[in-house]
Amino acid sequence: MFNFSDNLFNRIEKKTSVNKDTILNLAKKLQQGDMKDENNLKEVIHELSAMTGKSVSKEQEEKIINAIKNDEVPNNIDKLL
C-alpha cells in the first residue's frame, strides 16, 4: 500500500517519537477521509498534536487547514523533514 523506506520512518520517529505503525494507521485514515472537510482536518490535527506532544494554537490550526484546502502542502515529504 505504502512505498516508503524504513529509513524515512526511522527519521520521522527520531524527530517526532511517533512509530511506523501509528504513521501508517494515520495515513490510512487520511486516505479514507475528505481532506478538504474542515472537521476532518481538525480531527487529524488534534490527533497529530496528541501523538507528538506538541500543542497547536487555534491560529496555527487555521493556517494548516487553509494550506491544505488551498493545496499549498509540499508533495515531497522529504522537504518537511
C-alpha atoms as a PDB file:
ATOM      1  CA  MET A   1       0.000   0.000   0.000  1.00  0.00           C
ATOM      2  CA  PHE A   2       2.685   2.479   1.029  1.00  0.00           C
ATOM      3  CA  ASN A   3       6.119   2.512  -0.545  1.00  0.00           C
ATOM      4  CA  PHE A   4       8.153   4.460   1.992  1.00  0.00           C
ATOM      5  CA  SER A   5      11.514   3.158   3.117  1.00  0.00           C
ATOM      6  CA  ASP A   6      12.199   2.182   6.703  1.00  0.00           C
ATOM      7  CA  ASN A   7      14.879   4.880   6.655  1.00  0.00           C
ATOM      8  CA  LEU A   8      12.173   7.521   6.195  1.00  0.00           C
ATOM      9  CA  PHE A   9      10.108   6.078   9.037  1.00  0.00           C
ATOM     10  CA  ASN A  10      13.200   5.974  11.255  1.00  0.00           C
ATOM     11  CA  ARG A  11      13.887   9.650  10.520  1.00  0.00           C
ATOM     12  CA  ILE A  12      10.298  10.579  11.314  1.00  0.00           C
ATOM     13  CA  GLU A  13      10.303   8.549  14.530  1.00  0.00           C
ATOM     14  CA  LYS A  14      13.601  10.086  15.616  1.00  0.00           C
ATOM     15  CA  LYS A  15      12.207  13.616  15.147  1.00  0.00           C
ATOM     16  CA  THR A  16       8.697  13.021  16.475  1.00  0.00           C
ATOM     17  CA  SER A  17       8.757   9.833  18.615  1.00  0.00           C
ATOM     18  CA  VAL A  18       5.839   8.550  16.506  1.00  0.00           C
ATOM     19  CA  ASN A  19       6.345   4.959  15.333  1.00  0.00           C
ATOM     20  CA  LYS A  20       5.800   3.434  11.892  1.00  0.00           C
ATOM     21  CA  ASP A  21       2.521   1.662  12.758  1.00  0.00           C
ATOM     22  CA  THR A  22       0.989   4.867  14.101  1.00  0.00           C
ATOM     23  CA  ILE A  23       2.039   6.721  10.953  1.00  0.00           C
ATOM     24  CA  LEU A  24       0.603   4.025   8.673  1.00  0.00           C
ATOM     25  CA  ASN A  25      -2.688   3.963  10.598  1.00  0.00           C
ATOM     26  CA  LEU A  26      -2.972   7.735  10.303  1.00  0.00           C
ATOM     27  CA  ALA A  27      -2.135   7.555   6.585  1.00  0.00           C
ATOM     28  CA  LYS A  28      -4.959   5.050   6.047  1.00  0.00           C
ATOM     29  CA  LYS A  29      -7.330   7.387   7.860  1.00  0.00           C
ATOM     30  CA  LEU A  30      -6.185  10.286   5.677  1.00  0.00           C
ATOM     31  CA  GLN A  31      -6.747   8.271   2.504  1.00  0.00           C
ATOM     32  CA  GLN A  32     -10.260   7.352   3.558  1.00  0.00           C
ATOM     33  CA  GLY A  33     -11.283  10.840   4.677  1.00  0.00           C
ATOM     34  CA  ASP A  34     -12.137  14.027   2.834  1.00  0.00           C
ATOM     35  CA  MET A  35      -9.137  16.254   3.430  1.00  0.00           C
ATOM     36  CA  LYS A  36     -10.969  19.320   2.191  1.00  0.00           C
ATOM     37  CA  ASP A  37     -13.518  18.940   5.003  1.00  0.00           C
ATOM     38  CA  GLU A  38     -12.602  21.250   7.881  1.00  0.00           C
ATOM     39  CA  ASN A  39     -13.921  18.895  10.575  1.00  0.00           C
ATOM     40  CA  ASN A  40     -11.799  16.000   9.260  1.00  0.00           C
ATOM     41  CA  LEU A  41      -8.758  18.255   9.112  1.00  0.00           C
ATOM     42  CA  LYS A  42      -9.282  19.434  12.696  1.00  0.00           C
ATOM     43  CA  GLU A  43      -9.594  15.838  13.867  1.00  0.00           C
ATOM     44  CA  VAL A  44      -6.339  14.885  12.145  1.00  0.00           C
ATOM     45  CA  ILE A  45      -4.532  17.962  13.516  1.00  0.00           C
ATOM     46  CA  HIS A  46      -5.681  17.148  17.057  1.00  0.00           C
ATOM     47  CA  GLU A  47      -4.638  13.521  16.644  1.00  0.00           C
ATOM     48  CA  LEU A  48      -1.194  14.526  15.370  1.00  0.00           C
ATOM     49  CA  SER A  49      -0.845  17.039  18.182  1.00  0.00           C
ATOM     50  CA  ALA A  50      -1.615  14.357  20.762  1.00  0.00           C
ATOM     51  CA  MET A  51       0.767  11.856  19.112  1.00  0.00           C
ATOM     52  CA  THR A  52       3.684  14.238  19.038  1.00  0.00           C
ATOM     53  CA  GLY A  53       3.000  16.003  22.331  1.00  0.00           C
ATOM     54  CA  LYS A  54       3.065  19.368  20.572  1.00  0.00           C
ATOM     55  CA  SER A  55       0.279  21.847  21.124  1.00  0.00           C
ATOM     56  CA  VAL A  56      -1.322  23.628  18.183  1.00  0.00           C
ATOM     57  CA  SER A  57      -2.893  27.030  18.717  1.00  0.00           C
ATOM     58  CA  LYS A  58      -6.169  27.965  17.015  1.00  0.00           C
ATOM     59  CA  GLU A  59      -4.179  30.306  14.753  1.00  0.00           C
ATOM     60  CA  GLN A  60      -1.772  27.536  13.736  1.00  0.00           C
ATOM     61  CA  GLU A  61      -4.693  25.177  13.197  1.00  0.00           C
ATOM     62  CA  GLU A  62      -6.369  27.661  10.843  1.00  0.00           C
ATOM     63  CA  LYS A  63      -3.112  28.163   8.902  1.00  0.00           C
ATOM     64  CA  ILE A  64      -2.699  24.397   8.495  1.00  0.00           C
ATOM     65  CA  ILE A  65      -6.316  23.953   7.392  1.00  0.00           C
ATOM     66  CA  ASN A  66      -6.067  26.804   4.884  1.00  0.00           C
ATOM     67  CA  ALA A  67      -2.783  25.457   3.490  1.00  0.00           C
ATOM     68  CA  ILE A  68      -4.303  22.012   2.966  1.00  0.00           C
ATOM     69  CA  LYS A  69      -7.558  23.297   1.497  1.00  0.00           C
ATOM     70  CA  ASN A  70      -5.614  25.571  -0.900  1.00  0.00           C
ATOM     71  CA  ASP A  71      -3.208  22.768  -1.959  1.00  0.00           C
ATOM     72  CA  GLU A  72      -0.194  24.578  -0.500  1.00  0.00           C
ATOM     73  CA  VAL A  73       1.349  21.468   1.099  1.00  0.00           C
ATOM     74  CA  PRO A  74       4.600  20.176  -0.472  1.00  0.00           C
ATOM     75  CA  ASN A  75       4.222  16.963  -2.489  1.00  0.00           C
ATOM     76  CA  ASN A  76       7.690  15.787  -1.445  1.00  0.00           C
ATOM     77  CA  ILE A  77       7.593  14.634   2.173  1.00  0.00           C
ATOM     78  CA  ASP A  78      11.402  14.916   2.435  1.00  0.00           C
ATOM     79  CA  LYS A  79      11.010  18.702   2.244  1.00  0.00           C
ATOM     80  CA  LEU A  80       9.132  18.556   5.540  1.00  0.00           C
ATOM     81  CA  LEU A  81      11.928  16.675   7.331  1.00  0.00           C
END
